[in-house]
Protein backbone atom coordinates (compact mmCIF):
# COMPACT_ATOMS: atom_id res chain seq x y z
CA MET A 1 21.10 -29.29 40.58
CA ARG A 2 20.73 -30.20 36.93
CA SER A 3 16.95 -30.64 37.33
CA MET A 4 16.74 -27.14 38.87
CA SER A 5 18.49 -25.69 35.81
CA LEU A 6 16.12 -27.54 33.47
CA LEU A 7 13.11 -26.37 35.47
CA ALA A 8 14.32 -22.75 35.39
CA ALA A 9 14.90 -22.94 31.63
CA ALA A 10 11.43 -24.40 31.08
CA LEU A 11 9.81 -21.64 33.16
CA LEU A 12 11.69 -18.93 31.29
CA THR A 13 10.69 -20.41 27.93
CA ALA A 14 7.03 -20.71 29.00
CA SER A 15 6.91 -17.12 30.30
CA GLY A 16 8.54 -15.87 27.08
CA LEU A 17 5.94 -17.69 24.98
CA ALA A 18 3.11 -16.27 27.10
CA MET A 19 4.47 -12.74 26.70
CA ALA A 20 4.89 -13.22 22.93
CA ALA A 21 1.28 -14.35 22.64
CA GLU A 22 0.11 -11.10 24.30
CA THR A 23 2.30 -8.81 22.18
CA PRO A 24 0.62 -7.56 18.99
CA ALA A 25 2.37 -8.54 15.79
CA PRO A 26 4.54 -5.72 14.40
CA ALA A 27 4.12 -4.38 10.88
CA ALA A 28 5.99 -6.32 8.20
CA ALA A 29 9.70 -5.48 8.24
CA GLY A 30 10.11 -2.07 6.65
CA ALA A 31 6.36 -1.53 6.18
CA PRO A 32 4.73 1.29 8.16
CA LYS A 33 1.53 0.45 10.05
CA ALA A 34 -1.57 1.71 8.20
CA PRO A 35 -3.84 4.12 10.09
CA HIS A 36 -7.12 2.47 11.08
CA GLY A 37 -9.83 3.22 8.50
CA ALA A 38 -7.51 4.74 5.88
CA SER A 39 -8.64 4.18 2.31
CA VAL A 40 -8.01 5.34 -1.24
CA SER A 41 -10.25 5.27 -4.28
CA ILE A 42 -10.36 6.12 -7.95
CA VAL A 43 -13.03 8.81 -8.40
CA SER A 44 -12.90 8.70 -12.19
CA PRO A 45 -13.07 7.03 -14.56
CA LYS A 46 -15.73 4.65 -13.30
CA ASP A 47 -15.26 0.89 -13.37
CA GLY A 48 -16.21 -0.46 -16.81
CA ALA A 49 -15.98 2.94 -18.53
CA THR A 50 -15.06 3.28 -22.18
CA VAL A 51 -12.42 6.00 -22.51
CA GLY A 52 -10.10 7.56 -25.07
CA GLN A 53 -6.37 6.84 -25.15
CA ASP A 54 -5.68 9.91 -22.99
CA VAL A 55 -7.66 9.39 -19.79
CA THR A 56 -7.71 11.58 -16.70
CA VAL A 57 -7.61 9.51 -13.51
CA LYS A 58 -8.71 11.26 -10.29
CA PHE A 59 -7.67 9.92 -6.86
CA ALA A 60 -9.24 10.31 -3.39
CA VAL A 61 -8.15 9.46 0.16
CA LYS A 62 -9.90 9.05 3.49
CA GLY A 63 -8.27 8.82 6.93
CA ILE A 64 -4.71 9.61 5.79
CA GLU A 65 -2.93 12.75 4.57
CA ILE A 66 -1.37 13.29 1.17
CA LYS A 67 2.22 14.54 1.46
CA PRO A 68 5.10 14.54 -1.03
CA ALA A 69 7.69 11.77 -1.00
CA GLY A 70 10.35 12.60 1.57
CA ASP A 71 7.87 14.21 3.99
CA ALA A 72 7.88 11.91 7.03
CA THR A 73 4.71 13.29 8.65
CA PRO A 74 3.06 10.37 10.49
CA ASN A 75 -0.05 8.87 8.85
CA SER A 76 0.72 10.39 5.46
CA GLY A 77 1.99 9.35 2.06
CA HIS A 78 1.31 9.62 -1.65
CA HIS A 79 -0.37 7.78 -4.50
CA HIS A 80 1.00 5.18 -6.89
CA LEU A 81 -1.12 4.08 -9.85
CA LEU A 82 -0.84 0.44 -10.83
CA ILE A 83 -1.65 -0.10 -14.51
CA ASP A 84 -2.36 -3.69 -15.55
CA ALA A 85 -0.54 -4.97 -12.44
CA LYS A 86 -1.21 -8.62 -11.68
CA GLU A 87 -0.27 -8.36 -7.98
CA LEU A 88 0.79 -5.85 -5.35
CA PRO A 89 4.48 -5.25 -4.63
CA ALA A 90 5.97 -7.12 -1.66
CA LEU A 91 5.48 -5.50 1.75
CA GLY A 92 8.57 -3.80 3.12
CA THR A 93 10.05 -3.05 -0.31
CA PRO A 94 9.69 0.17 -2.29
CA ILE A 95 6.93 0.22 -4.90
CA PRO A 96 8.73 -0.08 -8.27
CA ALA A 97 8.86 2.83 -10.71
CA ASP A 98 8.13 1.36 -14.14
CA ASP A 99 5.41 1.22 -16.82
CA THR A 100 3.12 -0.69 -14.45
CA HIS A 101 3.71 1.48 -11.32
CA LYS A 102 3.39 5.27 -11.73
CA HIS A 103 4.60 7.40 -8.81
CA TYR A 104 2.94 10.63 -7.66
CA GLY A 105 5.59 11.72 -5.18
CA LYS A 106 4.70 15.41 -5.39
CA GLY A 107 1.33 14.69 -3.80
CA GLN A 108 -0.69 14.76 -7.01
CA THR A 109 -4.35 13.75 -6.85
CA GLU A 110 -4.93 13.24 -10.58
CA ASP A 111 -3.10 12.57 -13.81
CA THR A 112 -3.81 12.18 -17.50
CA ILE A 113 -2.29 8.92 -18.67
CA HIS A 114 -1.96 7.49 -22.17
CA LEU A 115 -3.19 3.93 -22.70
CA ALA A 116 -3.10 1.75 -25.80
CA PRO A 117 -6.45 0.60 -27.22
CA GLY A 118 -7.83 -2.43 -25.39
CA THR A 119 -8.87 -3.34 -21.86
CA HIS A 120 -6.78 -2.18 -18.90
CA THR A 121 -6.94 -2.35 -15.11
CA LEU A 122 -6.17 0.56 -12.77
CA GLN A 123 -5.58 0.45 -9.01
CA LEU A 124 -4.19 2.92 -6.47
CA ASP A 125 -1.52 1.80 -4.00
CA PHE A 126 -0.80 4.41 -1.30
CA GLY A 127 2.82 4.53 -0.19
CA ASP A 128 4.75 6.20 2.61
CA THR A 129 7.55 8.76 2.42
CA ALA A 130 9.91 6.07 1.05
CA HIS A 131 7.40 4.62 -1.48
CA ARG A 132 6.67 1.56 0.71
CA GLN A 133 3.20 0.09 1.07
CA PHE A 134 1.49 0.33 4.41
CA ASP A 135 0.66 -2.77 6.45
CA PRO A 136 -2.01 -3.68 5.63
CA PRO A 137 -1.76 -2.15 2.14
CA ILE A 138 -3.94 0.89 1.47
CA VAL A 139 -5.22 0.11 -2.01
CA SER A 140 -8.26 1.00 -4.06
CA LYS A 141 -10.61 -1.41 -5.71
CA LYS A 142 -9.14 -2.49 -9.05
CA ILE A 143 -11.17 -1.02 -11.90
CA THR A 144 -11.31 -1.95 -15.57
CA VAL A 145 -11.42 0.57 -18.42
CA HIS A 146 -11.93 -0.07 -22.12
CA VAL A 147 -9.80 2.17 -24.35
CA LYS A 148 -11.19 2.80 -27.84
């Protein structure tokens, strides 16, 4: 009888593992799944540009809609501009609101920012209604600007 119980347990475990292998991995906890082909980019300034301290940054999207924060329309979100950020925020957590992470929760597609003289990096990070990154993250190429 005991061997029948062990055999049943082994079969249940094996079938569970087989089913788990066939199930696609879910998005990271708290991170919405990114629409296939969605992308964001910085239209201007161009990578390597020399700019003044007040620089207008223009954003673009492809394959996802821009909506204000709080609008839960599927496959939509809004921009966040990362200034001199070393790494992306952790998946499943809200993108911080600080000097390094600017939020555009009204659905803005450009902004004039003030930068100190020197070299800076800029990168877009598209977030959902609750300011969370998508999985995988929808980010632009990181560009470098030189402020005179």
